[in-house]
């Protein structure tokens, strides 16, 4: 797991490279990085994007355009049409459904609940989701830590980028969740 800043994380799992909420440029609207943009070699070759919501600091279209054409973007159902209109490959599994990743059949993803208390954007859909990533029965999560209690104790969690509820801030780079 490699933290690239804000909510962008690269997760390399069993030959699959997942990228969360890509913000790959130095500037995105009013958001400015204090340092340089992530080096392309840290995120290139991403097989799948896990997109939590469509705020500019999580769904920067120019960053998404830097990825290989056809890279699947797994997001909430409400967001898929918006992505498709921008010629991005938006997909959303059915509730509770795991989808296999094309480059690693041992890795699968499903959506899970997430909470985002920031104001809605009038020109973008407001679907919000977390993601569960399964690797041979061990789950790596990109989910709001506050919501872990709803999952069974038998669920083995490897790690989770910790989100500070309601503020959008993230602890770097990851926290192990027992």
N, C-alpha and C. Protein backbone atom coordinates (compact mmCIF):
# COMPACT_ATOMS: atom_id res chain seq x y z
N UNK A 1 0.86 -1.16 0.00
CA UNK A 1 0.00 0.00 0.00
C UNK A 1 0.90 1.23 0.00
N UNK A 2 0.68 2.12 -0.96
CA UNK A 2 1.48 3.34 -1.06
C UNK A 2 0.55 4.54 -1.10
N UNK A 3 0.74 5.44 -0.15
CA UNK A 3 -0.06 6.66 -0.09
C UNK A 3 0.58 7.71 -0.99
N UNK A 4 -0.21 8.28 -1.92
CA UNK A 4 0.29 9.29 -2.85
C UNK A 4 -0.18 10.70 -2.50
N UNK A 5 -0.91 10.83 -1.41
CA UNK A 5 -1.41 12.13 -0.99
C UNK A 5 -2.93 12.18 -1.02
N UNK A 6 -3.47 13.02 -0.15
CA UNK A 6 -4.91 13.21 0.03
C UNK A 6 -5.57 11.85 0.19
N UNK A 7 -6.40 11.42 -0.74
CA UNK A 7 -7.05 10.11 -0.61
C UNK A 7 -6.59 9.15 -1.70
N UNK A 8 -5.48 9.44 -2.34
CA UNK A 8 -4.96 8.59 -3.41
C UNK A 8 -3.99 7.58 -2.84
N UNK A 9 -4.35 6.31 -3.00
CA UNK A 9 -3.54 5.20 -2.50
C UNK A 9 -3.38 4.20 -3.64
N UNK A 10 -2.17 3.63 -3.77
CA UNK A 10 -1.94 2.53 -4.70
C UNK A 10 -1.88 1.26 -3.86
N UNK A 11 -2.66 0.28 -4.26
CA UNK A 11 -2.72 -0.99 -3.56
C UNK A 11 -2.34 -2.09 -4.55
N UNK A 12 -1.18 -2.70 -4.33
CA UNK A 12 -0.73 -3.80 -5.17
C UNK A 12 -1.08 -5.11 -4.46
N UNK A 13 -1.96 -5.90 -5.08
CA UNK A 13 -2.46 -7.13 -4.48
C UNK A 13 -2.43 -8.25 -5.51
N UNK A 14 -1.64 -9.29 -5.28
CA UNK A 14 -1.63 -10.48 -6.13
C UNK A 14 -1.59 -10.15 -7.62
N UNK A 15 -0.74 -9.24 -8.02
CA UNK A 15 -0.59 -8.90 -9.43
C UNK A 15 -1.55 -7.84 -9.93
N UNK A 16 -2.49 -7.43 -9.10
CA UNK A 16 -3.42 -6.35 -9.48
C UNK A 16 -2.93 -5.05 -8.85
N UNK A 17 -3.07 -3.97 -9.57
CA UNK A 17 -2.72 -2.64 -9.04
C UNK A 17 -4.00 -1.81 -9.03
N UNK A 18 -4.43 -1.46 -7.81
CA UNK A 18 -5.64 -0.65 -7.62
C UNK A 18 -5.23 0.75 -7.21
N UNK A 19 -6.00 1.71 -7.64
CA UNK A 19 -5.72 3.12 -7.36
C UNK A 19 -7.00 3.74 -6.81
N UNK A 20 -6.92 4.35 -5.62
CA UNK A 20 -8.11 4.97 -5.04
C UNK A 20 -8.12 6.46 -5.32
N UNK A 21 -9.30 6.98 -5.62
CA UNK A 21 -9.55 8.42 -5.76
C UNK A 21 -8.36 9.18 -6.34
N UNK A 22 -8.02 8.92 -7.61
CA UNK A 22 -6.78 9.48 -8.15
C UNK A 22 -6.76 11.01 -8.26
N UNK A 23 -5.80 11.58 -7.59
CA UNK A 23 -5.45 12.99 -7.74
C UNK A 23 -3.96 12.97 -8.08
N UNK A 24 -3.66 12.98 -9.37
CA UNK A 24 -2.31 12.69 -9.85
C UNK A 24 -1.58 13.93 -10.35
N UNK A 25 -2.22 15.07 -10.24
CA UNK A 25 -1.61 16.31 -10.70
C UNK A 25 -1.25 17.18 -9.50
N UNK A 26 -0.45 18.18 -9.73
CA UNK A 26 -0.05 19.09 -8.64
C UNK A 26 -1.20 19.99 -8.22
N UNK A 27 -2.06 20.34 -9.16
CA UNK A 27 -3.20 21.21 -8.87
C UNK A 27 -4.47 20.61 -9.43
N UNK A 28 -5.54 20.78 -8.69
CA UNK A 28 -6.86 20.39 -9.16
C UNK A 28 -7.83 21.43 -8.63
N UNK A 29 -8.19 22.38 -9.47
CA UNK A 29 -9.06 23.47 -9.03
C UNK A 29 -8.39 24.27 -7.93
N UNK A 30 -9.07 24.39 -6.82
CA UNK A 30 -8.52 25.16 -5.70
C UNK A 30 -7.54 24.35 -4.85
N UNK A 31 -7.45 23.06 -5.10
CA UNK A 31 -6.56 22.20 -4.32
C UNK A 31 -5.15 22.25 -4.90
N UNK A 32 -4.17 22.54 -4.06
CA UNK A 32 -2.76 22.61 -4.47
C UNK A 32 -1.95 21.69 -3.57
N UNK A 33 -1.11 20.87 -4.18
CA UNK A 33 -0.19 20.05 -3.39
C UNK A 33 0.94 20.92 -2.86
N UNK A 34 1.43 20.60 -1.69
CA UNK A 34 2.60 21.31 -1.16
C UNK A 34 3.87 20.86 -1.85
N UNK A 35 3.88 19.63 -2.30
CA UNK A 35 5.04 19.08 -3.00
C UNK A 35 4.68 18.77 -4.44
N UNK A 36 5.55 18.03 -5.11
CA UNK A 36 5.29 17.70 -6.52
C UNK A 36 4.17 16.66 -6.65
N UNK A 37 3.64 16.56 -7.85
CA UNK A 37 2.66 15.52 -8.15
C UNK A 37 3.34 14.16 -8.00
N UNK A 38 2.57 13.11 -7.73
CA UNK A 38 3.18 11.77 -7.63
C UNK A 38 3.89 11.40 -8.93
N UNK A 39 5.04 10.78 -8.81
CA UNK A 39 5.78 10.33 -9.98
C UNK A 39 4.94 9.29 -10.74
N UNK A 40 4.88 9.39 -12.06
CA UNK A 40 4.05 8.46 -12.83
C UNK A 40 4.35 6.98 -12.55
N UNK A 41 5.59 6.64 -12.29
CA UNK A 41 5.90 5.23 -12.05
C UNK A 41 5.24 4.69 -10.78
N UNK A 42 4.79 5.57 -9.89
CA UNK A 42 4.12 5.09 -8.68
C UNK A 42 2.68 4.67 -8.93
N UNK A 43 2.06 5.15 -10.00
CA UNK A 43 0.66 4.82 -10.25
C UNK A 43 0.40 4.22 -11.63
N UNK A 44 1.37 4.30 -12.55
CA UNK A 44 1.15 3.76 -13.89
C UNK A 44 0.95 2.25 -13.81
N UNK A 45 0.19 1.75 -14.72
CA UNK A 45 -0.11 0.32 -14.74
C UNK A 45 -1.26 -0.05 -13.82
N UNK A 46 -1.98 0.94 -13.33
CA UNK A 46 -3.14 0.65 -12.49
C UNK A 46 -4.18 -0.11 -13.30
N UNK A 47 -4.65 -1.22 -12.75
CA UNK A 47 -5.63 -2.06 -13.43
C UNK A 47 -7.06 -1.59 -13.19
N UNK A 48 -7.29 -1.02 -12.01
CA UNK A 48 -8.65 -0.67 -11.60
C UNK A 48 -8.58 0.55 -10.69
N UNK A 49 -9.57 1.43 -10.82
CA UNK A 49 -9.69 2.60 -9.94
C UNK A 49 -10.87 2.35 -9.00
N UNK A 50 -10.67 2.64 -7.72
CA UNK A 50 -11.74 2.60 -6.73
C UNK A 50 -12.09 4.06 -6.42
N UNK A 51 -13.26 4.48 -6.83
CA UNK A 51 -13.65 5.89 -6.72
C UNK A 51 -14.75 6.03 -5.68
N UNK A 52 -14.48 6.77 -4.60
CA UNK A 52 -15.42 6.88 -3.49
C UNK A 52 -16.58 7.82 -3.80
N UNK A 53 -16.30 8.94 -4.44
CA UNK A 53 -17.34 9.92 -4.77
C UNK A 53 -16.78 10.91 -5.79
N UNK A 54 -17.62 11.80 -6.28
CA UNK A 54 -17.24 12.64 -7.42
C UNK A 54 -16.83 14.07 -7.07
N UNK A 55 -16.48 14.35 -5.85
CA UNK A 55 -15.92 15.68 -5.58
C UNK A 55 -14.62 15.84 -6.34
N UNK A 56 -14.28 17.05 -6.71
CA UNK A 56 -13.11 17.32 -7.55
C UNK A 56 -11.81 16.78 -6.95
N UNK A 57 -11.69 16.75 -5.64
CA UNK A 57 -10.46 16.27 -5.03
C UNK A 57 -10.39 14.75 -4.94
N UNK A 58 -11.43 14.05 -5.40
CA UNK A 58 -11.43 12.59 -5.42
C UNK A 58 -11.63 12.06 -6.84
N UNK A 59 -12.27 12.82 -7.68
CA UNK A 59 -12.57 12.41 -9.06
C UNK A 59 -12.11 13.50 -10.02
N UNK A 60 -10.83 13.73 -10.04
CA UNK A 60 -10.25 14.74 -10.93
C UNK A 60 -10.20 14.14 -12.34
N UNK A 61 -11.03 14.66 -13.23
CA UNK A 61 -11.15 14.09 -14.57
C UNK A 61 -9.81 14.09 -15.29
N UNK A 62 -9.02 15.14 -15.16
CA UNK A 62 -7.72 15.18 -15.85
C UNK A 62 -6.78 14.12 -15.31
N UNK A 63 -6.87 13.80 -14.02
CA UNK A 63 -6.08 12.69 -13.48
C UNK A 63 -6.59 11.35 -14.01
N UNK A 64 -7.90 11.17 -14.05
CA UNK A 64 -8.47 9.93 -14.59
C UNK A 64 -8.07 9.75 -16.05
N UNK A 65 -7.98 10.86 -16.81
CA UNK A 65 -7.57 10.78 -18.21
C UNK A 65 -6.12 10.36 -18.39
N UNK A 66 -5.30 10.46 -17.34
CA UNK A 66 -3.90 10.04 -17.41
C UNK A 66 -3.76 8.51 -17.40
N UNK A 67 -4.80 7.82 -16.96
CA UNK A 67 -4.76 6.36 -16.87
C UNK A 67 -4.99 5.75 -18.24
N UNK A 68 -4.62 4.49 -18.39
CA UNK A 68 -4.81 3.80 -19.66
C UNK A 68 -6.28 3.77 -20.04
N UNK A 69 -6.57 3.96 -21.31
CA UNK A 69 -7.95 3.91 -21.79
C UNK A 69 -8.58 2.58 -21.41
N UNK A 70 -9.81 2.63 -20.95
CA UNK A 70 -10.52 1.41 -20.59
C UNK A 70 -10.30 0.92 -19.17
N UNK A 71 -9.48 1.64 -18.39
CA UNK A 71 -9.27 1.24 -17.00
C UNK A 71 -10.61 1.29 -16.27
N UNK A 72 -11.07 0.17 -15.67
CA UNK A 72 -12.35 0.20 -14.98
C UNK A 72 -12.31 1.11 -13.76
N UNK A 73 -13.38 1.88 -13.57
CA UNK A 73 -13.53 2.78 -12.43
C UNK A 73 -14.74 2.27 -11.64
N UNK A 74 -14.48 1.63 -10.49
CA UNK A 74 -15.53 1.04 -9.67
C UNK A 74 -16.03 2.10 -8.70
N UNK A 75 -17.33 2.39 -8.78
CA UNK A 75 -17.91 3.48 -7.99
C UNK A 75 -19.37 3.20 -7.68
N UNK A 76 -20.00 4.11 -6.97
CA UNK A 76 -21.42 4.00 -6.64
C UNK A 76 -22.25 4.03 -7.92
N UNK A 77 -23.40 3.34 -7.93
CA UNK A 77 -24.22 3.28 -9.14
C UNK A 77 -24.60 4.66 -9.70
N UNK A 78 -24.87 5.63 -8.82
CA UNK A 78 -25.29 6.95 -9.27
C UNK A 78 -24.21 7.66 -10.10
N UNK A 79 -22.96 7.25 -9.96
CA UNK A 79 -21.84 7.94 -10.60
C UNK A 79 -21.47 7.37 -11.97
N UNK A 80 -21.96 6.19 -12.30
CA UNK A 80 -21.52 5.48 -13.51
C UNK A 80 -21.84 6.28 -14.78
N UNK A 81 -23.04 6.78 -14.93
CA UNK A 81 -23.41 7.52 -16.14
C UNK A 81 -22.54 8.75 -16.34
N UNK A 82 -22.24 9.47 -15.26
CA UNK A 82 -21.38 10.65 -15.34
C UNK A 82 -20.01 10.27 -15.88
N UNK A 83 -19.46 9.15 -15.41
CA UNK A 83 -18.15 8.68 -15.90
C UNK A 83 -18.22 8.27 -17.37
N UNK A 84 -19.26 7.55 -17.74
CA UNK A 84 -19.40 7.09 -19.13
C UNK A 84 -19.51 8.26 -20.09
N UNK A 85 -20.20 9.33 -19.68
CA UNK A 85 -20.30 10.52 -20.55
C UNK A 85 -18.94 11.18 -20.76
N UNK A 86 -17.99 10.90 -19.91
CA UNK A 86 -16.62 11.44 -20.04
C UNK A 86 -15.67 10.41 -20.64
N UNK A 87 -16.25 9.38 -21.24
CA UNK A 87 -15.50 8.31 -21.90
C UNK A 87 -14.59 7.55 -20.93
N UNK A 88 -15.04 7.45 -19.69
CA UNK A 88 -14.35 6.64 -18.68
C UNK A 88 -15.18 5.38 -18.44
N UNK A 89 -14.54 4.30 -18.05
CA UNK A 89 -15.21 3.02 -17.91
C UNK A 89 -15.75 2.87 -16.50
N UNK A 90 -16.86 3.52 -16.23
CA UNK A 90 -17.50 3.44 -14.92
C UNK A 90 -18.28 2.15 -14.78
N UNK A 91 -18.05 1.43 -13.67
CA UNK A 91 -18.80 0.21 -13.39
C UNK A 91 -19.21 0.21 -11.92
N UNK A 92 -20.28 -0.50 -11.64
CA UNK A 92 -20.77 -0.61 -10.27
C UNK A 92 -21.39 -1.98 -10.08
N UNK A 93 -20.80 -2.80 -9.21
CA UNK A 93 -21.39 -4.11 -8.98
C UNK A 93 -22.74 -3.98 -8.28
N UNK A 94 -23.57 -4.98 -8.44
CA UNK A 94 -24.86 -5.02 -7.74
C UNK A 94 -24.60 -5.09 -6.23
N UNK A 95 -25.53 -4.65 -5.41
CA UNK A 95 -25.32 -4.69 -3.96
C UNK A 95 -24.91 -6.10 -3.48
N UNK A 96 -23.84 -6.14 -2.72
CA UNK A 96 -23.34 -7.41 -2.17
C UNK A 96 -22.57 -8.27 -3.15
N UNK A 97 -22.49 -7.86 -4.42
CA UNK A 97 -21.82 -8.66 -5.45
C UNK A 97 -20.32 -8.36 -5.47
N UNK A 98 -19.50 -9.41 -5.52
CA UNK A 98 -18.06 -9.26 -5.72
C UNK A 98 -17.79 -9.34 -7.21
N UNK A 99 -16.94 -8.45 -7.74
CA UNK A 99 -16.54 -8.55 -9.14
C UNK A 99 -15.05 -8.86 -9.19
N UNK A 100 -14.67 -9.79 -10.06
CA UNK A 100 -13.26 -10.16 -10.22
C UNK A 100 -12.54 -9.11 -11.03
N UNK A 101 -11.27 -8.92 -10.70
CA UNK A 101 -10.47 -7.95 -11.45
C UNK A 101 -9.86 -8.64 -12.66
N UNK A 102 -9.81 -7.94 -13.80
CA UNK A 102 -9.39 -8.59 -15.04
C UNK A 102 -7.95 -9.10 -15.02
N UNK A 103 -7.04 -8.46 -14.31
CA UNK A 103 -5.63 -8.84 -14.36
C UNK A 103 -5.22 -9.79 -13.23
N UNK A 104 -6.13 -10.10 -12.33
CA UNK A 104 -5.82 -11.00 -11.24
C UNK A 104 -7.10 -11.66 -10.75
N UNK A 105 -7.37 -12.89 -11.21
CA UNK A 105 -8.62 -13.54 -10.83
C UNK A 105 -8.73 -13.84 -9.33
N UNK A 106 -7.62 -13.78 -8.59
CA UNK A 106 -7.68 -14.04 -7.14
C UNK A 106 -8.10 -12.80 -6.35
N UNK A 107 -8.28 -11.66 -7.04
CA UNK A 107 -8.65 -10.41 -6.37
C UNK A 107 -10.04 -9.99 -6.86
N UNK A 108 -10.90 -9.64 -5.91
CA UNK A 108 -12.23 -9.15 -6.27
C UNK A 108 -12.60 -7.95 -5.41
N UNK A 109 -13.59 -7.18 -5.89
CA UNK A 109 -13.99 -5.92 -5.25
C UNK A 109 -15.50 -5.90 -5.11
N UNK A 110 -15.97 -5.30 -4.02
CA UNK A 110 -17.39 -4.99 -3.89
C UNK A 110 -17.54 -3.65 -3.20
N UNK A 111 -18.70 -3.05 -3.37
CA UNK A 111 -18.99 -1.77 -2.73
C UNK A 111 -19.44 -2.01 -1.29
N UNK A 112 -19.24 -1.01 -0.45
CA UNK A 112 -19.72 -1.06 0.93
C UNK A 112 -20.11 0.35 1.35
N UNK A 113 -20.90 0.47 2.40
CA UNK A 113 -21.36 1.80 2.80
C UNK A 113 -20.22 2.74 3.19
N UNK A 114 -20.43 4.00 2.94
CA UNK A 114 -19.51 5.06 3.36
C UNK A 114 -20.33 6.29 3.69
N UNK A 115 -19.79 7.14 4.50
CA UNK A 115 -20.48 8.37 4.91
C UNK A 115 -19.61 9.55 4.49
N UNK A 116 -20.23 10.53 3.86
CA UNK A 116 -19.53 11.75 3.49
C UNK A 116 -20.47 12.90 3.77
N UNK A 117 -20.13 13.72 4.76
CA UNK A 117 -21.04 14.78 5.20
C UNK A 117 -20.81 16.11 4.48
N UNK A 118 -19.94 16.15 3.49
CA UNK A 118 -19.69 17.40 2.78
C UNK A 118 -20.90 17.74 1.90
N UNK A 119 -20.97 18.97 1.48
CA UNK A 119 -22.13 19.41 0.70
C UNK A 119 -22.14 18.76 -0.69
N UNK A 120 -23.33 18.49 -1.19
CA UNK A 120 -23.46 17.91 -2.53
C UNK A 120 -22.99 18.88 -3.61
N UNK A 121 -22.61 18.32 -4.73
CA UNK A 121 -22.21 19.13 -5.88
C UNK A 121 -23.36 19.14 -6.87
N UNK A 122 -23.86 20.31 -7.26
CA UNK A 122 -25.04 20.35 -8.12
C UNK A 122 -24.80 19.83 -9.54
N UNK A 123 -23.56 19.83 -10.02
CA UNK A 123 -23.29 19.45 -11.40
C UNK A 123 -22.70 18.04 -11.52
N UNK A 124 -22.63 17.30 -10.42
CA UNK A 124 -22.15 15.92 -10.44
C UNK A 124 -23.07 15.08 -9.55
N UNK A 125 -23.25 13.80 -9.90
CA UNK A 125 -24.02 12.93 -9.01
C UNK A 125 -23.34 12.86 -7.64
N UNK A 126 -24.11 12.50 -6.63
CA UNK A 126 -23.59 12.51 -5.26
C UNK A 126 -23.50 11.13 -4.63
N UNK A 127 -23.33 10.09 -5.46
CA UNK A 127 -23.15 8.74 -4.91
C UNK A 127 -21.85 8.64 -4.13
N UNK A 128 -21.90 7.98 -2.98
CA UNK A 128 -20.73 7.79 -2.11
C UNK A 128 -20.61 6.31 -1.80
N UNK A 129 -19.40 5.77 -1.84
CA UNK A 129 -19.20 4.36 -1.52
C UNK A 129 -17.80 4.13 -0.97
N UNK A 130 -17.67 3.07 -0.22
CA UNK A 130 -16.38 2.51 0.14
C UNK A 130 -16.19 1.26 -0.68
N UNK A 131 -15.05 0.63 -0.55
CA UNK A 131 -14.76 -0.58 -1.32
C UNK A 131 -14.15 -1.63 -0.41
N UNK A 132 -14.53 -2.88 -0.65
CA UNK A 132 -13.87 -4.02 -0.02
C UNK A 132 -13.09 -4.72 -1.12
N UNK A 133 -11.85 -5.06 -0.83
CA UNK A 133 -11.00 -5.77 -1.79
C UNK A 133 -10.65 -7.11 -1.16
N UNK A 134 -11.03 -8.20 -1.83
CA UNK A 134 -10.79 -9.54 -1.31
C UNK A 134 -9.65 -10.19 -2.07
N UNK A 135 -8.74 -10.77 -1.31
CA UNK A 135 -7.61 -11.50 -1.89
C UNK A 135 -7.56 -12.85 -1.19
N UNK A 136 -8.08 -13.86 -1.84
CA UNK A 136 -8.05 -15.22 -1.32
C UNK A 136 -8.57 -15.29 0.11
N UNK A 137 -9.72 -14.67 0.35
CA UNK A 137 -10.35 -14.76 1.65
C UNK A 137 -9.88 -13.76 2.68
N UNK A 138 -8.92 -12.92 2.34
CA UNK A 138 -8.45 -11.87 3.26
C UNK A 138 -8.86 -10.54 2.66
N UNK A 139 -9.50 -9.72 3.43
CA UNK A 139 -10.08 -8.49 2.91
C UNK A 139 -9.21 -7.30 3.28
N UNK A 140 -8.91 -6.51 2.27
CA UNK A 140 -8.25 -5.22 2.46
C UNK A 140 -9.32 -4.18 2.20
N UNK A 141 -9.42 -3.18 3.06
CA UNK A 141 -10.55 -2.26 2.97
C UNK A 141 -10.14 -0.85 2.62
N UNK A 142 -10.98 -0.21 1.85
CA UNK A 142 -10.93 1.24 1.65
C UNK A 142 -12.32 1.69 2.06
N UNK A 143 -12.49 1.92 3.36
CA UNK A 143 -13.84 2.17 3.89
C UNK A 143 -13.73 3.08 5.10
N UNK A 144 -14.79 3.78 5.39
CA UNK A 144 -14.82 4.61 6.59
C UNK A 144 -14.66 3.71 7.81
N UNK A 145 -13.64 3.98 8.60
CA UNK A 145 -13.33 3.15 9.76
C UNK A 145 -14.51 3.08 10.72
N UNK A 146 -15.29 4.17 10.84
CA UNK A 146 -16.42 4.18 11.76
C UNK A 146 -17.45 3.10 11.42
N UNK A 147 -17.47 2.62 10.20
CA UNK A 147 -18.48 1.67 9.78
C UNK A 147 -18.04 0.21 9.93
N UNK A 148 -16.83 -0.03 10.44
CA UNK A 148 -16.33 -1.40 10.57
C UNK A 148 -17.22 -2.26 11.46
N UNK A 149 -17.88 -1.69 12.44
CA UNK A 149 -18.68 -2.46 13.39
C UNK A 149 -19.78 -3.26 12.72
N UNK A 150 -20.23 -2.86 11.54
CA UNK A 150 -21.33 -3.58 10.90
C UNK A 150 -20.88 -4.86 10.22
N UNK A 151 -19.57 -5.10 10.13
CA UNK A 151 -19.07 -6.30 9.48
C UNK A 151 -18.84 -7.39 10.52
N UNK A 152 -19.02 -8.66 10.13
CA UNK A 152 -18.88 -9.74 11.11
C UNK A 152 -17.45 -9.83 11.66
N UNK A 153 -17.36 -10.31 12.92
CA UNK A 153 -16.05 -10.47 13.55
C UNK A 153 -15.16 -11.43 12.78
N UNK A 154 -15.77 -12.34 12.03
CA UNK A 154 -15.00 -13.33 11.29
C UNK A 154 -14.28 -12.73 10.08
N UNK A 155 -14.63 -11.50 9.70
CA UNK A 155 -14.01 -10.86 8.55
C UNK A 155 -12.59 -10.46 8.91
N UNK A 156 -11.62 -11.01 8.24
CA UNK A 156 -10.21 -10.71 8.50
C UNK A 156 -9.83 -9.48 7.72
N UNK A 157 -9.45 -8.40 8.40
CA UNK A 157 -9.10 -7.14 7.76
C UNK A 157 -7.59 -6.96 7.83
N UNK A 158 -6.95 -6.71 6.70
CA UNK A 158 -5.51 -6.49 6.68
C UNK A 158 -5.16 -5.04 6.99
N UNK A 159 -5.74 -4.09 6.30
CA UNK A 159 -5.40 -2.68 6.51
C UNK A 159 -6.48 -1.80 5.93
N UNK A 160 -6.50 -0.55 6.41
CA UNK A 160 -7.48 0.40 5.91
C UNK A 160 -6.91 1.80 5.96
N UNK A 161 -6.95 2.54 4.84
CA UNK A 161 -6.63 3.96 4.95
C UNK A 161 -7.66 4.57 5.89
N UNK A 162 -7.21 5.22 6.94
CA UNK A 162 -8.13 5.75 7.95
C UNK A 162 -8.64 7.12 7.51
N UNK A 163 -9.95 7.29 7.53
CA UNK A 163 -10.56 8.54 7.15
C UNK A 163 -11.05 9.24 8.41
N UNK A 164 -10.83 10.52 8.49
CA UNK A 164 -11.32 11.32 9.59
C UNK A 164 -12.72 11.78 9.22
N UNK A 165 -13.71 11.17 9.85
CA UNK A 165 -15.11 11.37 9.46
C UNK A 165 -15.49 12.84 9.38
N UNK A 166 -16.08 13.21 8.27
CA UNK A 166 -16.64 14.53 8.11
C UNK A 166 -15.66 15.61 7.70
N UNK A 167 -14.36 15.36 7.81
CA UNK A 167 -13.42 16.42 7.47
C UNK A 167 -12.74 16.18 6.14
N UNK A 168 -12.75 14.93 5.67
CA UNK A 168 -12.07 14.62 4.42
C UNK A 168 -10.58 14.41 4.60
N UNK A 169 -10.05 14.55 5.81
CA UNK A 169 -8.63 14.34 6.03
C UNK A 169 -8.35 12.86 6.22
N UNK A 170 -7.16 12.46 5.82
CA UNK A 170 -6.77 11.06 5.92
C UNK A 170 -5.43 10.99 6.64
N UNK A 171 -5.30 9.98 7.50
CA UNK A 171 -4.01 9.74 8.12
C UNK A 171 -3.11 9.07 7.10
N UNK A 172 -1.86 9.39 7.09
CA UNK A 172 -0.94 8.85 6.10
C UNK A 172 -0.08 7.77 6.71
N UNK A 173 0.35 6.79 5.96
CA UNK A 173 -0.29 6.36 4.74
C UNK A 173 -1.40 5.35 4.99
N UNK A 174 -1.33 4.54 6.05
CA UNK A 174 -2.40 3.61 6.33
C UNK A 174 -2.37 3.23 7.80
N UNK A 175 -3.44 2.67 8.26
CA UNK A 175 -3.54 2.20 9.63
C UNK A 175 -3.91 0.73 9.59
N UNK A 176 -3.29 -0.07 10.44
CA UNK A 176 -3.70 -1.46 10.56
C UNK A 176 -4.90 -1.49 11.47
N UNK A 177 -5.91 -2.20 11.05
CA UNK A 177 -7.14 -2.34 11.82
C UNK A 177 -7.18 -3.74 12.37
N UNK A 178 -7.22 -3.94 13.70
CA UNK A 178 -7.22 -5.31 14.25
C UNK A 178 -8.47 -6.07 13.88
